[in-house]
Protein backbone atom coordinates (compact mmCIF):
# COMPACT_ATOMS: atom_id res chain seq x y z
CA MET A 1 7.69 4.87 -9.36
CA SER A 2 9.97 3.93 -6.55
CA TYR A 3 9.85 0.69 -4.58
CA ALA A 4 8.70 2.61 -1.49
CA SER A 5 5.79 4.09 -3.44
CA THR A 6 4.77 0.61 -4.61
CA GLU A 7 4.92 -0.67 -1.04
CA LEU A 8 2.58 2.12 0.11
CA ASP A 9 0.06 1.38 -2.67
CA SER A 10 -0.54 -2.21 -1.57
CA PRO A 11 -2.47 -1.39 1.64
CA TRP A 12 -4.69 1.03 -0.30
CA LYS A 13 -5.47 -1.64 -2.88
CA ASP A 14 -6.28 -4.14 -0.13
CA ILE A 15 -8.59 -1.63 1.56
CA LEU A 16 -10.38 -0.86 -1.71
CA GLU A 17 -10.99 -4.54 -2.34
CA LEU A 18 -12.14 -5.29 1.20
CA TYR A 19 -14.41 -2.25 1.54
CA PHE A 20 -15.35 -1.57 -2.07
CA GLU A 21 -19.08 -1.15 -1.52
CA ALA A 22 -18.53 1.15 1.48
CA PHE A 23 -16.00 3.17 -0.55
CA VAL A 24 -18.51 3.70 -3.37
CA GLN A 25 -21.26 4.54 -0.89
CA PHE A 26 -19.12 7.17 0.85
CA PHE A 27 -17.69 8.91 -2.23
CA PHE A 28 -20.47 8.29 -4.79
CA ARG A 29 -23.78 8.08 -2.92
CA GLN A 30 -25.96 8.50 -6.02
CA LEU A 31 -24.02 5.90 -7.98
CA HIS A 32 -24.13 3.48 -5.05
CA LYS A 33 -27.95 3.55 -5.19
CA LEU A 34 -27.89 2.50 -8.88
CA ILE A 35 -25.68 -0.58 -8.44
CA ASP A 36 -27.15 -4.04 -7.95
CA TRP A 37 -24.91 -5.09 -5.06
CA SER A 38 -26.56 -8.51 -4.88
CA ARG A 39 -24.73 -9.40 -8.13
CA GLY A 40 -21.37 -8.51 -6.63
CA TYR A 41 -18.56 -6.87 -8.58
CA GLU A 42 -15.45 -7.92 -10.43
CA PHE A 43 -12.02 -6.29 -10.25
CA MET A 44 -10.34 -5.97 -13.63
CA ASP A 45 -6.75 -5.09 -12.71
CA LYS A 46 -5.21 -6.91 -15.69
CA GLU A 47 -7.50 -5.00 -18.05
CA LEU A 48 -6.53 -1.75 -16.36
CA GLN A 49 -2.84 -2.44 -16.91
CA LYS A 50 -3.52 -3.00 -20.64
CA VAL A 51 -5.33 0.33 -20.89
CA LEU A 52 -2.70 2.37 -19.03
CA LYS A 53 0.54 0.63 -20.05
CA ASP A 54 1.27 2.89 -23.02
CA ALA A 55 0.23 6.15 -21.38
CA LYS A 56 2.63 9.03 -21.83
CA THR A 57 2.76 9.55 -18.08
CA LYS A 58 4.50 6.61 -16.44
CA GLN A 59 3.73 7.52 -12.84
CA ARG A 60 1.22 5.07 -11.37
CA PHE A 61 -0.53 5.08 -8.04
CA THR A 62 -3.25 2.96 -6.50
CA ASP A 63 -5.64 2.13 -9.31
CA LYS A 64 -8.52 -0.31 -9.47
CA LEU A 65 -10.92 -1.11 -12.26
CA ALA A 66 -14.18 -2.75 -11.23
CA LYS A 67 -17.10 -4.06 -13.24
CA VAL A 68 -20.49 -3.65 -11.59
CA TRP A 69 -24.05 -4.41 -12.62
CA LEU A 70 -26.68 -1.72 -12.34
CA LEU A 71 -30.22 -2.22 -11.13
CA ASN A 72 -31.43 -1.55 -14.69
CA GLY A 73 -29.50 -4.63 -15.89
CA LYS A 74 -26.68 -2.77 -17.61
CA THR A 75 -23.01 -3.37 -16.87
CA THR A 76 -20.61 -0.51 -16.20
CA VAL A 77 -16.96 -0.14 -15.37
CA LEU A 78 -15.68 1.97 -12.46
CA TYR A 79 -12.14 3.29 -12.51
CA ILE A 80 -10.83 4.10 -9.04
CA HIS A 81 -7.63 6.06 -8.65
CA VAL A 82 -6.42 6.78 -5.12
CA GLU A 83 -3.57 9.17 -4.72
CA VAL A 84 -2.64 10.60 -1.34
CA GLN A 85 -0.54 13.71 -1.88
CA GLY A 86 1.37 15.83 0.54
CA GLN A 87 2.21 18.46 -2.05
CA TYR A 88 0.95 19.97 -5.28
CA ASP A 89 1.59 17.98 -8.47
CA GLU A 90 1.33 20.06 -11.63
CA ASP A 91 0.85 16.94 -13.81
CA PHE A 92 -2.06 15.52 -11.83
CA ALA A 93 -4.88 16.93 -13.99
CA GLU A 94 -3.17 15.81 -17.20
CA ARG A 95 -2.59 12.31 -15.81
CA MET A 96 -6.25 11.99 -14.78
CA PHE A 97 -7.39 13.23 -18.19
CA ILE A 98 -5.24 10.63 -19.96
CA TYR A 99 -6.48 7.81 -17.74
CA ASN A 100 -10.11 8.87 -18.13
CA TYR A 101 -9.86 9.21 -21.90
CA ARG A 102 -8.16 5.83 -22.35
CA LEU A 103 -10.84 4.14 -20.27
CA PHE A 104 -13.63 5.93 -22.14
CA ASP A 105 -12.05 4.98 -25.46
CA ARG A 106 -11.68 1.31 -24.51
CA TYR A 107 -15.06 0.76 -22.84
CA ASN A 108 -17.18 3.46 -24.53
CA THR A 109 -18.71 4.42 -21.20
CA SER A 110 -18.72 7.43 -18.90
CA VAL A 111 -15.82 7.80 -16.51
CA VAL A 112 -16.49 9.50 -13.18
CA SER A 113 -13.73 11.28 -11.30
CA HIS A 114 -13.88 12.55 -7.76
CA PHE A 115 -11.19 14.59 -6.03
CA ARG A 116 -10.80 15.30 -2.32
């Protein structure tokens, strides 16, 4: 990843942190209704780096890992990957599969992906 790419990721990460609940509400309406927002949420960026550091694909974009508490009392982990693309990337699906599998393997929980 180039320096310029890293510079562009920072504003996206800031936006995700500032507007996390609104982001989840917009992209995952059903999931948003299941989360106990009164308990807050916790970003787990250091944990995310541990999970993805040995991935075969070295290209990284804006990624966030957040722990949330559900209304039923359970804890779950949300992986958020934001990638703004101006052109087709033939490795995108493979990269997402690798990320999703590594997160599933580490946390033994469902991983939800959403593409727009």
